[in-house]
Amino acid sequence: MPWLLPKSITPEADEWLERWLGELTERLADPATDRNALVAEILSEVLYARPYEELKETAPLAALALDPRNVTFEAEYYAATDPEKFARVKPLLWLWKTLDLTPLGQSIHSGVRIRRALAPFIFKRVGKNPKFFQNVEFSVGYNLELGDDVVVHRHVLLDDIGGIVIGDGASISDYANIYSHTHHVLASPDVTLKQTIIGNGVRITYHATVLAGVRIGDDAMVGTGAVVTRDVPPHAIALGIPARPRRYKVRHDCPYCRAEAPHPSDEVPKLPDRKPNPDYPDFLPPGFGTREA
């Protein structure tokens, strides 16, 4: 018996959803579309069942809160954020986050399909069949790369400001956190951007944390509550704080292991570490300015 069972909604609702998503995709693909106005209009219809201009007349405070131009994201306060790139994705991140709180977003059937439609217009690269559950958070969105069949569960944080690459078939469980930036212990404005790479078939389980700059090898697993501070090799099961490989999956059919060749995740090029704040141009060694307790 398969783990996941097929489910459906009424044909009328499914037809309406498919038509609405098709129209949304067409409008987003049009360079002339004002994404801020489009998002405000969609949210007004979904939340208040009336056109946005009418809502502005009858409930201006409610209308103000729907327009992405009237809200700010944490990333907009960071020197590392590219203003032009973020301006393109900000309206869609606002639509994603706000719809998550509605019946459309809470329903698995419609919520996953809405996020799947938005993903190519937000992320740097999107493979086939991405599956996002509700209340996933991003830093900027435009520095996230996804392979095929990636699954991201509820309340996951993907801090992609320094870049995150997630390989084919990877699964990230509820409340996991993946980072791509660090702060120096002596001066929090001294930030380093470090790209994080999650290999093919990786499983990051509940409440685990992956720190910036880590590479997790293909088919590896990060255990519940683990904190990954250094690279994890392919097929390893990493547990604990800090996470260490405790066991290895036995994969007799792995062609890379048989050939003693690098796995695909080992070959993914990683961006060099970057300093977004010109006030802190130097890379200080780990532990600089501290002493042992």
Protein backbone atom coordinates (compact mmCIF):
# COMPACT_ATOMS: atom_id res chain seq x y z
CA MET A 1 0.00 0.00 0.00
CA PRO A 2 1.50 3.39 -0.95
CA TRP A 3 2.23 5.97 1.73
CA LEU A 4 0.42 8.80 -0.12
CA LEU A 5 -3.14 8.31 -1.35
CA PRO A 6 -4.77 10.27 -4.20
CA LYS A 7 -7.35 12.84 -3.15
CA SER A 8 -9.56 15.20 -5.15
CA ILE A 9 -12.05 18.02 -4.74
CA THR A 10 -15.30 18.58 -6.62
CA PRO A 11 -14.90 18.83 -10.41
CA GLU A 12 -16.46 22.31 -10.43
CA ALA A 13 -13.98 23.64 -7.87
CA ASP A 14 -11.04 21.98 -9.59
CA GLU A 15 -12.06 23.48 -12.95
CA TRP A 16 -12.33 26.94 -11.38
CA LEU A 17 -8.93 26.59 -9.68
CA GLU A 18 -7.26 25.44 -12.90
CA ARG A 19 -8.72 28.34 -14.87
CA TRP A 20 -7.75 30.89 -12.21
CA LEU A 21 -4.17 29.58 -11.99
CA GLY A 22 -3.88 29.66 -15.78
CA GLU A 23 -4.96 33.30 -15.86
CA LEU A 24 -2.59 34.15 -13.00
CA THR A 25 0.36 32.50 -14.77
CA GLU A 26 -0.40 34.37 -18.00
CA ARG A 27 -0.50 37.71 -16.22
CA LEU A 28 2.72 37.05 -14.30
CA ALA A 29 4.49 36.04 -17.51
CA ASP A 30 3.54 39.38 -19.09
CA PRO A 31 6.36 41.91 -18.46
CA ALA A 32 3.80 44.73 -18.58
CA THR A 33 1.88 43.41 -15.56
CA ASP A 34 2.02 45.59 -12.46
CA ARG A 35 2.60 42.88 -9.88
CA ASN A 36 1.76 45.12 -6.93
CA ALA A 37 -1.62 46.04 -8.39
CA LEU A 38 -2.30 42.43 -9.38
CA VAL A 39 -1.59 41.14 -5.87
CA ALA A 40 -3.71 43.83 -4.23
CA GLU A 41 -6.60 42.95 -6.55
CA ILE A 42 -6.33 39.19 -5.91
CA LEU A 43 -6.19 39.60 -2.14
CA SER A 44 -9.14 41.99 -2.15
CA GLU A 45 -11.23 39.47 -4.06
CA VAL A 46 -10.15 36.51 -1.89
CA LEU A 47 -10.42 38.21 1.51
CA TYR A 48 -13.22 40.74 0.97
CA ALA A 49 -15.05 39.56 -2.16
CA ARG A 50 -14.89 42.97 -3.80
CA PRO A 51 -12.65 44.89 -6.22
CA TYR A 52 -9.67 46.64 -4.69
CA GLU A 53 -10.79 50.15 -5.70
CA GLU A 54 -14.12 49.57 -4.00
CA LEU A 55 -12.36 48.31 -0.87
CA LYS A 56 -10.24 51.49 -0.79
CA GLU A 57 -13.42 53.55 -0.65
CA THR A 58 -15.22 51.53 2.02
CA ALA A 59 -12.33 50.18 4.13
CA PRO A 60 -9.12 52.10 3.36
CA LEU A 61 -7.12 50.58 6.22
CA ALA A 62 -7.88 47.06 5.03
CA ALA A 63 -6.96 48.04 1.47
CA LEU A 64 -3.69 49.63 2.57
CA ALA A 65 -2.60 46.38 4.23
CA LEU A 66 -3.16 44.35 1.06
CA ASP A 67 -0.97 46.38 -1.30
CA PRO A 68 2.66 45.11 -1.25
CA ARG A 69 3.86 48.69 -1.68
CA ASN A 70 2.52 49.45 1.81
CA VAL A 71 4.33 46.61 3.62
CA THR A 72 7.98 45.89 4.33
CA PHE A 73 9.90 42.64 4.65
CA GLU A 74 12.87 42.03 6.92
CA ALA A 75 15.10 41.52 3.87
CA GLU A 76 14.49 45.11 2.73
CA TYR A 77 16.45 46.38 5.73
CA TYR A 78 19.57 44.35 4.81
CA ALA A 79 22.50 45.74 2.83
CA ALA A 80 22.91 42.30 1.25
CA THR A 81 19.51 42.44 -0.48
CA ASP A 82 19.49 43.43 -4.14
CA PRO A 83 16.75 46.11 -4.33
CA GLU A 84 15.94 45.51 -8.00
CA LYS A 85 15.67 41.74 -7.69
CA PHE A 86 13.66 41.96 -4.50
CA ALA A 87 11.25 44.48 -5.97
CA ARG A 88 10.31 41.89 -8.61
CA VAL A 89 9.58 39.09 -6.14
CA LYS A 90 8.24 41.05 -3.17
CA PRO A 91 4.61 41.25 -4.39
CA LEU A 92 4.57 37.50 -5.01
CA LEU A 93 6.09 36.72 -1.61
CA TRP A 94 3.34 38.86 -0.07
CA LEU A 95 0.70 37.00 -2.08
CA TRP A 96 2.22 33.64 -1.05
CA LYS A 97 2.35 34.56 2.66
CA THR A 98 -1.11 36.09 2.78
CA LEU A 99 -2.88 33.33 0.86
CA ASP A 100 -1.32 30.82 3.27
CA LEU A 101 -3.61 32.26 5.95
CA THR A 102 -6.78 31.78 3.91
CA PRO A 103 -8.86 28.65 3.22
CA LEU A 104 -7.30 28.51 -0.26
CA GLY A 105 -3.82 28.29 1.25
CA GLN A 106 -4.70 25.95 4.10
CA SER A 107 -6.20 23.37 1.74
CA ILE A 108 -3.45 21.03 0.54
CA HIS A 109 -5.03 20.65 -2.91
CA SER A 110 -5.29 24.34 -3.74
CA GLY A 111 -2.43 25.62 -1.56
CA VAL A 112 0.24 23.41 -3.11
CA ARG A 113 -0.91 24.26 -6.62
CA ILE A 114 -0.94 28.01 -5.96
CA ARG A 115 2.61 27.92 -4.56
CA ARG A 116 3.74 25.74 -7.47
CA ALA A 117 2.39 28.36 -9.89
CA LEU A 118 4.17 31.21 -8.07
CA ALA A 119 7.52 29.46 -7.58
CA PRO A 120 9.00 30.00 -11.09
CA PHE A 121 8.36 33.73 -10.81
CA ILE A 122 10.09 34.00 -7.42
CA PHE A 123 12.98 31.54 -7.23
CA LYS A 124 16.27 31.56 -9.14
CA ARG A 125 15.64 28.06 -10.52
CA VAL A 126 12.73 25.65 -10.15
CA GLY A 127 12.63 22.03 -11.25
CA LYS A 128 9.57 19.92 -11.90
CA ASN A 129 6.81 19.33 -9.38
CA PRO A 130 7.85 21.41 -6.35
CA LYS A 131 5.63 20.81 -3.32
CA PHE A 132 5.43 23.49 -0.64
CA PHE A 133 3.14 23.28 2.35
CA GLN A 134 1.89 26.37 4.19
CA ASN A 135 3.84 28.94 6.21
CA VAL A 136 7.27 28.48 4.63
CA GLU A 137 9.47 31.57 5.06
CA PHE A 138 12.16 32.91 2.72
CA SER A 139 14.70 35.69 3.13
CA VAL A 140 14.64 37.00 -0.45
CA GLY A 141 13.38 34.12 -2.62
CA TYR A 142 15.45 35.05 -5.66
CA ASN A 143 18.54 33.18 -4.38
CA LEU A 144 16.82 29.81 -3.99
CA GLU A 145 17.46 26.99 -6.49
CA LEU A 146 15.31 23.84 -6.57
CA GLY A 147 15.77 20.55 -8.38
CA ASP A 148 12.91 18.22 -9.35
CA ASP A 149 10.34 16.86 -6.86
CA VAL A 150 11.48 18.90 -3.87
CA VAL A 151 9.15 18.78 -0.85
CA VAL A 152 9.17 21.51 1.81
CA HIS A 153 6.86 21.05 4.78
CA ARG A 154 5.18 23.48 7.19
CA HIS A 155 6.94 26.33 8.99
CA VAL A 156 10.32 25.82 7.32
CA LEU A 157 12.75 28.74 7.14
CA LEU A 158 14.84 28.97 3.96
CA ASP A 159 17.27 31.83 4.56
CA ASP A 160 18.41 32.14 0.96
CA ILE A 161 20.04 35.59 1.12
CA GLY A 162 23.46 34.00 0.52
CA GLY A 163 22.08 31.29 -1.77
CA ILE A 164 20.55 27.85 -1.16
CA VAL A 165 20.64 24.98 -3.67
CA ILE A 166 18.29 22.04 -3.02
CA GLY A 167 18.74 18.92 -5.15
CA ASP A 168 16.28 16.52 -6.78
CA GLY A 169 13.96 14.62 -4.47
CA ALA A 170 15.08 16.40 -1.29
CA SER A 171 12.61 16.61 1.59
CA ILE A 172 12.64 19.22 4.35
CA SER A 173 10.42 18.48 7.34
CA ASP A 174 8.37 20.79 9.53
CA TYR A 175 10.12 23.57 11.47
CA ALA A 176 13.54 22.96 9.91
CA ASN A 177 15.84 25.95 9.37
CA ILE A 178 18.41 26.32 6.58
CA TYR A 179 20.71 29.35 6.67
CA SER A 180 23.09 31.01 4.20
CA HIS A 181 24.50 33.90 6.22
CA THR A 182 26.46 34.28 9.46
CA HIS A 183 27.18 37.11 11.91
CA HIS A 184 30.56 37.59 13.55
CA VAL A 185 30.46 37.08 17.30
CA LEU A 186 32.07 40.47 18.06
CA ALA A 187 30.03 42.61 15.67
CA SER A 188 26.64 41.50 14.40
CA PRO A 189 26.74 43.86 11.36
CA ASP A 190 29.79 41.89 10.17
CA VAL A 191 27.86 39.46 7.96
CA THR A 192 29.26 36.78 5.67
CA LEU A 193 27.13 35.26 2.92
CA LYS A 194 27.79 31.54 2.48
CA GLN A 195 25.95 29.42 -0.07
CA THR A 196 24.41 26.25 1.34
CA ILE A 197 23.97 23.12 -0.77
CA ILE A 198 21.48 20.31 -0.07
CA GLY A 199 22.12 17.27 -2.26
CA ASN A 200 19.79 14.96 -4.17
CA GLY A 201 17.51 12.78 -2.04
CA VAL A 202 18.50 14.47 1.22
CA ARG A 203 16.10 14.30 4.15
CA ILE A 204 16.25 17.08 6.72
CA THR A 205 13.92 16.02 9.50
CA TYR A 206 11.83 17.87 12.09
CA HIS A 207 13.29 20.92 13.85
CA ALA A 208 16.77 20.40 12.40
CA THR A 209 19.02 23.38 11.64
CA VAL A 210 21.57 23.65 8.83
CA LEU A 211 24.06 26.47 9.23
CA ALA A 212 25.42 28.62 6.42
CA GLY A 213 27.97 27.26 3.97
CA VAL A 214 27.32 23.58 4.68
CA ARG A 215 27.17 20.96 1.92
CA ILE A 216 24.94 17.96 2.65
CA GLY A 217 25.74 15.04 0.37
CA ASP A 218 23.33 13.02 -1.74
CA ASP A 219 20.99 10.63 0.10
CA ALA A 220 22.14 11.91 3.50
CA MET A 221 19.75 12.38 6.41
CA VAL A 222 19.80 14.99 9.17
CA GLY A 223 18.13 13.76 12.35
CA THR A 224 15.45 15.49 14.39
CA GLY A 225 16.75 18.52 16.29
CA ALA A 226 20.26 18.20 14.88
CA VAL A 227 22.39 21.27 14.19
CA VAL A 228 24.62 20.86 11.14
CA THR A 229 27.78 22.96 11.40
CA ARG A 230 29.98 21.18 8.87
CA ASP A 231 29.65 19.16 5.64
CA VAL A 232 27.78 15.84 5.75
CA PRO A 233 28.98 13.11 3.35
CA PRO A 234 26.64 11.23 0.99
CA HIS A 235 24.47 8.49 2.57
CA ALA A 236 25.38 9.61 6.11
CA ILE A 237 22.84 9.85 8.94
CA ALA A 238 23.92 12.91 10.92
CA LEU A 239 22.65 13.27 14.48
CA GLY A 240 23.22 15.51 17.46
CA ILE A 241 24.45 19.00 18.34
CA PRO A 242 26.71 19.56 16.56
CA ALA A 243 25.58 16.96 14.01
CA ARG A 244 28.01 14.16 13.20
CA PRO A 245 27.61 11.10 10.94
CA ARG A 246 26.54 8.26 13.26
CA ARG A 247 25.58 5.66 10.67
CA TYR A 248 25.61 5.28 6.88
CA LYS A 249 22.86 3.98 4.63
CA VAL A 250 23.93 0.82 2.80
CA ARG A 251 23.30 1.50 -0.88
CA HIS A 252 24.68 -1.42 -2.87
CA ASP A 253 23.06 -0.02 -6.02
CA CYS A 254 24.77 3.39 -5.79
CA PRO A 255 26.77 3.73 -9.04
CA TYR A 256 29.00 6.45 -7.59
CA CYS A 257 29.97 4.35 -4.57
CA ARG A 258 30.71 1.32 -6.77
CA ALA A 259 32.88 3.42 -9.05
CA GLU A 260 34.42 5.29 -6.11
CA ALA A 261 33.47 8.48 -7.95
CA PRO A 262 32.18 11.81 -6.60
CA HIS A 263 28.44 12.05 -6.08
CA PRO A 264 26.56 14.76 -8.02
CA SER A 265 26.22 16.93 -4.90
CA ASP A 266 30.01 16.93 -4.54
CA GLU A 267 30.29 18.41 -8.02
CA VAL A 268 27.87 21.31 -7.51
CA PRO A 269 30.02 24.48 -7.64
CA LYS A 270 29.67 26.68 -4.59
CA LEU A 271 29.77 30.46 -4.71
CA PRO A 272 32.65 32.05 -2.80
CA ASP A 273 31.86 33.58 0.57
CA ARG A 274 30.92 37.26 0.26
CA LYS A 275 30.87 40.32 2.51
CA PRO A 276 27.77 42.46 1.82
CA ASN A 277 28.69 45.24 4.25
CA PRO A 278 31.67 47.31 2.99
CA ASP A 279 32.39 48.38 6.57
CA TYR A 280 33.67 44.85 7.25
CA PRO A 281 35.81 43.91 4.24
CA ASP A 282 38.04 41.28 5.89
CA PHE A 283 37.30 37.62 6.55
CA LEU A 284 38.23 37.01 10.17
CA PRO A 285 39.18 33.44 11.18
CA PRO A 286 36.66 31.44 13.25
CA GLY A 287 36.97 32.26 16.91
CA PHE A 288 38.80 35.51 16.31
CA GLY A 289 38.45 37.87 19.28
CA THR A 290 37.25 35.20 21.72
CA ARG A 291 38.86 33.01 24.36
CA GLU A 292 38.01 29.65 25.84
CA ALA A 293 35.56 29.62 28.74
